[in-house]
């Protein structure tokens, strides 16, 4: 028995509906050709230098100095706030993309880490009370590139960050802040060098 035109169109729409969504790139996962980028605008960005020595911090920056760039998520939600932390050393090469090893690519909702051991580069994503502020599907890849390395307090530490999530979405942006030296704490049995 032949189907009328309305029934044929309905059957065709049911069969081709999922394929047409893929063809136009709906961003709905499942092999789509387009995914919505992750937009993360921190409420606060800070950079710190730690000499990691048990002494009064030197104004001379050295290759062993530890640097960190902290990105605090929206402060307009209830704590805890989302946070991204990038740690590196002053010896980390500038202008080189460093793909990090992701420690745990399981679903999001908990702290995720990645590292690049030979240059001491580490990444940490701590989800906040709004798990979708960054992306809650889990981290599968992280690439860090240092754009500018400070040589004295007040200089800018600038980093390009590319994070790929399980759902295929990407956070790709550059972040920077002026560096401030913080002092290390000495063990009680070791005197402070002055």
Protein backbone atom coordinates (compact mmCIF):
# COMPACT_ATOMS: atom_id res chain seq x y z
CA UNK A 1 0.00 0.00 0.00
CA UNK A 2 1.60 3.32 -1.04
CA UNK A 3 2.13 6.02 1.59
CA UNK A 4 0.70 9.51 1.15
CA UNK A 5 3.12 12.46 0.76
CA UNK A 6 2.70 13.58 4.39
CA UNK A 7 3.57 10.14 5.77
CA UNK A 8 6.56 9.85 3.41
CA UNK A 9 7.92 13.25 4.53
CA UNK A 10 7.47 12.30 8.19
CA UNK A 11 9.27 8.98 7.71
CA UNK A 12 12.12 10.72 5.87
CA UNK A 13 12.45 13.32 8.65
CA UNK A 14 12.62 10.58 11.29
CA UNK A 15 15.30 8.70 9.36
CA UNK A 16 17.37 11.71 8.36
CA UNK A 17 16.86 13.91 11.43
CA UNK A 18 20.02 12.85 13.28
CA UNK A 19 22.07 13.01 10.10
CA UNK A 20 20.91 16.52 9.27
CA UNK A 21 21.92 17.69 12.75
CA UNK A 22 25.42 16.35 12.11
CA UNK A 23 25.58 17.93 8.68
CA UNK A 24 24.89 21.40 10.03
CA UNK A 25 27.20 20.92 13.02
CA UNK A 26 24.83 21.20 15.94
CA UNK A 27 27.55 21.01 18.58
CA UNK A 28 25.58 18.27 20.27
CA UNK A 29 28.35 15.67 20.39
CA UNK A 30 28.33 12.29 18.72
CA UNK A 31 30.73 13.21 15.92
CA UNK A 32 29.47 16.69 15.16
CA UNK A 33 31.66 18.91 13.03
CA UNK A 34 31.41 21.89 15.37
CA UNK A 35 31.70 22.21 19.11
CA UNK A 36 31.03 25.32 21.11
CA UNK A 37 34.28 26.63 22.64
CA UNK A 38 34.53 26.90 26.42
CA UNK A 39 34.61 30.53 27.53
CA UNK A 40 36.29 31.01 30.90
CA UNK A 41 36.74 34.56 32.17
CA UNK A 42 38.41 34.45 35.57
CA UNK A 43 37.28 36.90 38.25
CA UNK A 44 40.90 37.16 39.40
CA UNK A 45 44.30 36.22 37.90
CA UNK A 46 47.42 36.19 40.07
CA UNK A 47 51.03 35.19 39.44
CA UNK A 48 53.61 34.31 42.07
CA UNK A 49 57.29 33.40 42.23
CA UNK A 50 58.73 31.22 44.96
CA UNK A 51 62.49 30.83 45.26
CA UNK A 52 61.95 27.44 46.91
CA UNK A 53 64.98 28.26 49.05
CA UNK A 54 65.02 28.70 52.76
CA UNK A 55 66.18 32.28 52.71
CA UNK A 56 64.94 35.78 52.26
CA UNK A 57 63.79 35.88 48.63
CA UNK A 58 66.36 37.24 46.23
CA UNK A 59 65.40 39.89 43.74
CA UNK A 60 67.48 37.94 41.18
CA UNK A 61 65.28 35.48 39.30
CA UNK A 62 66.93 32.07 38.76
CA UNK A 63 66.09 29.08 36.58
CA UNK A 64 65.06 27.03 39.62
CA UNK A 65 62.43 29.52 40.73
CA UNK A 66 58.90 28.14 40.82
CA UNK A 67 56.21 30.27 39.16
CA UNK A 68 52.45 29.90 39.31
CA UNK A 69 49.53 31.46 37.50
CA UNK A 70 46.20 31.14 39.32
CA UNK A 71 42.86 31.74 37.60
CA UNK A 72 39.92 32.09 39.97
CA UNK A 73 36.47 31.41 38.56
CA UNK A 74 33.34 33.44 39.10
CA UNK A 75 33.05 34.84 42.60
CA UNK A 76 29.34 35.49 42.07
CA UNK A 77 28.45 31.87 42.88
CA UNK A 78 28.58 30.12 46.23
CA UNK A 79 32.02 28.82 47.22
CA UNK A 80 33.99 26.80 46.41
CA UNK A 81 35.07 28.71 43.32
CA UNK A 82 36.44 27.06 40.18
CA UNK A 83 40.20 27.41 39.87
CA UNK A 84 42.79 26.74 37.21
CA UNK A 85 46.43 26.65 38.32
CA UNK A 86 49.48 26.48 36.08
CA UNK A 87 52.86 25.86 37.70
CA UNK A 88 56.22 26.04 35.94
CA UNK A 89 59.84 26.96 36.52
CA UNK A 90 61.73 29.97 35.28
CA UNK A 91 63.62 27.54 32.99
CA UNK A 92 60.46 26.58 31.07
CA UNK A 93 61.05 27.49 27.43
CA UNK A 94 59.20 30.52 26.04
CA UNK A 95 57.33 30.10 22.75
CA UNK A 96 57.21 26.29 22.84
CA UNK A 97 53.92 24.39 22.99
CA UNK A 98 54.20 21.77 25.72
CA UNK A 99 51.61 18.96 25.60
CA UNK A 100 51.03 17.73 29.15
CA UNK A 101 50.33 14.20 30.34
CA UNK A 102 46.80 14.09 31.78
CA UNK A 103 46.83 12.19 35.06
CA UNK A 104 43.13 11.40 35.07
CA UNK A 105 40.78 11.73 32.10
CA UNK A 106 37.76 10.39 33.94
CA UNK A 107 34.52 12.37 34.08
CA UNK A 108 34.72 15.77 35.68
CA UNK A 109 33.43 16.87 39.03
CA UNK A 110 36.77 16.52 40.80
CA UNK A 111 40.26 17.96 40.61
CA UNK A 112 42.01 17.10 37.34
CA UNK A 113 45.78 17.34 36.83
CA UNK A 114 48.27 17.22 33.98
CA UNK A 115 52.06 17.57 33.92
CA UNK A 116 55.15 17.82 31.76
CA UNK A 117 57.87 16.38 33.95
CA UNK A 118 61.03 17.46 32.13
CA UNK A 119 60.20 21.16 32.45
CA UNK A 120 58.31 21.02 35.74
CA UNK A 121 55.07 22.28 34.15
CA UNK A 122 51.87 21.32 35.97
CA UNK A 123 48.19 22.07 35.36
CA UNK A 124 45.34 21.70 37.81
CA UNK A 125 41.62 22.27 37.32
CA UNK A 126 39.52 22.40 40.48
CA UNK A 127 35.78 22.50 39.79
CA UNK A 128 33.73 24.95 41.77
CA UNK A 129 30.15 24.94 42.98
CA UNK A 130 29.02 25.58 39.38
CA UNK A 131 30.48 22.51 37.61
CA UNK A 132 29.60 23.81 34.15
CA UNK A 133 31.47 27.10 34.57
CA UNK A 134 34.43 25.61 32.71
CA UNK A 135 33.32 22.13 31.50
CA UNK A 136 32.23 19.22 33.65
CA UNK A 137 32.98 16.32 31.29
CA UNK A 138 36.63 15.75 32.21
CA UNK A 139 39.99 16.79 30.75
CA UNK A 140 41.58 14.68 27.99
CA UNK A 141 44.39 16.97 26.76
CA UNK A 142 46.28 20.07 27.94
CA UNK A 143 48.84 22.16 26.03
CA UNK A 144 50.66 25.05 27.71
CA UNK A 145 52.83 27.65 25.99
CA UNK A 146 54.66 30.33 27.93
CA UNK A 147 54.31 33.60 26.00
CA UNK A 148 56.38 35.77 28.34
CA UNK A 149 58.60 34.90 31.29
CA UNK A 150 59.23 37.45 34.06
CA UNK A 151 62.75 38.36 35.11
CA UNK A 152 61.84 40.60 38.03
CA UNK A 153 58.87 41.35 40.27
CA UNK A 154 56.16 43.25 38.44
CA UNK A 155 56.96 41.63 35.07
CA UNK A 156 54.17 39.73 33.38
CA UNK A 157 53.86 35.96 33.28
CA UNK A 158 51.79 35.19 30.20
CA UNK A 159 50.60 31.71 29.22
CA UNK A 160 48.56 30.34 26.32
CA UNK A 161 46.35 27.50 27.54
CA UNK A 162 44.56 24.89 25.43
CA UNK A 163 42.42 22.37 27.32
CA UNK A 164 40.38 19.71 25.49
CA UNK A 165 37.49 18.06 27.30
CA UNK A 166 35.83 14.65 26.90
CA UNK A 167 32.93 16.19 24.97
CA UNK A 168 35.36 17.64 22.39
CA UNK A 169 34.95 21.23 23.58
CA UNK A 170 38.08 23.34 24.04
CA UNK A 171 39.15 26.11 26.34
CA UNK A 172 41.78 28.08 24.41
CA UNK A 173 42.86 31.45 25.73
CA UNK A 174 45.84 33.42 26.99
CA UNK A 175 46.12 34.58 30.59
CA UNK A 176 48.61 36.87 32.27
CA UNK A 177 49.37 38.62 35.53
CA UNK A 178 52.21 40.59 37.11
CA UNK A 179 54.46 38.40 39.24
CA UNK A 180 55.01 38.94 42.96
CA UNK A 181 57.68 37.04 44.91
CA UNK A 182 56.42 35.15 47.93
CA UNK A 183 58.72 33.76 50.62
CA UNK A 184 59.21 30.11 51.42
CA UNK A 185 58.80 28.83 54.92
CA UNK A 186 61.88 27.29 56.49
CA UNK A 187 61.77 24.07 58.50
CA UNK A 188 62.05 24.76 62.22
CA UNK A 189 65.45 23.06 62.42
CA UNK A 190 67.02 25.19 59.67
CA UNK A 191 67.92 28.82 60.33
CA UNK A 192 66.91 31.57 57.94
CA UNK A 193 69.86 32.90 55.91
CA UNK A 194 70.06 36.67 56.14
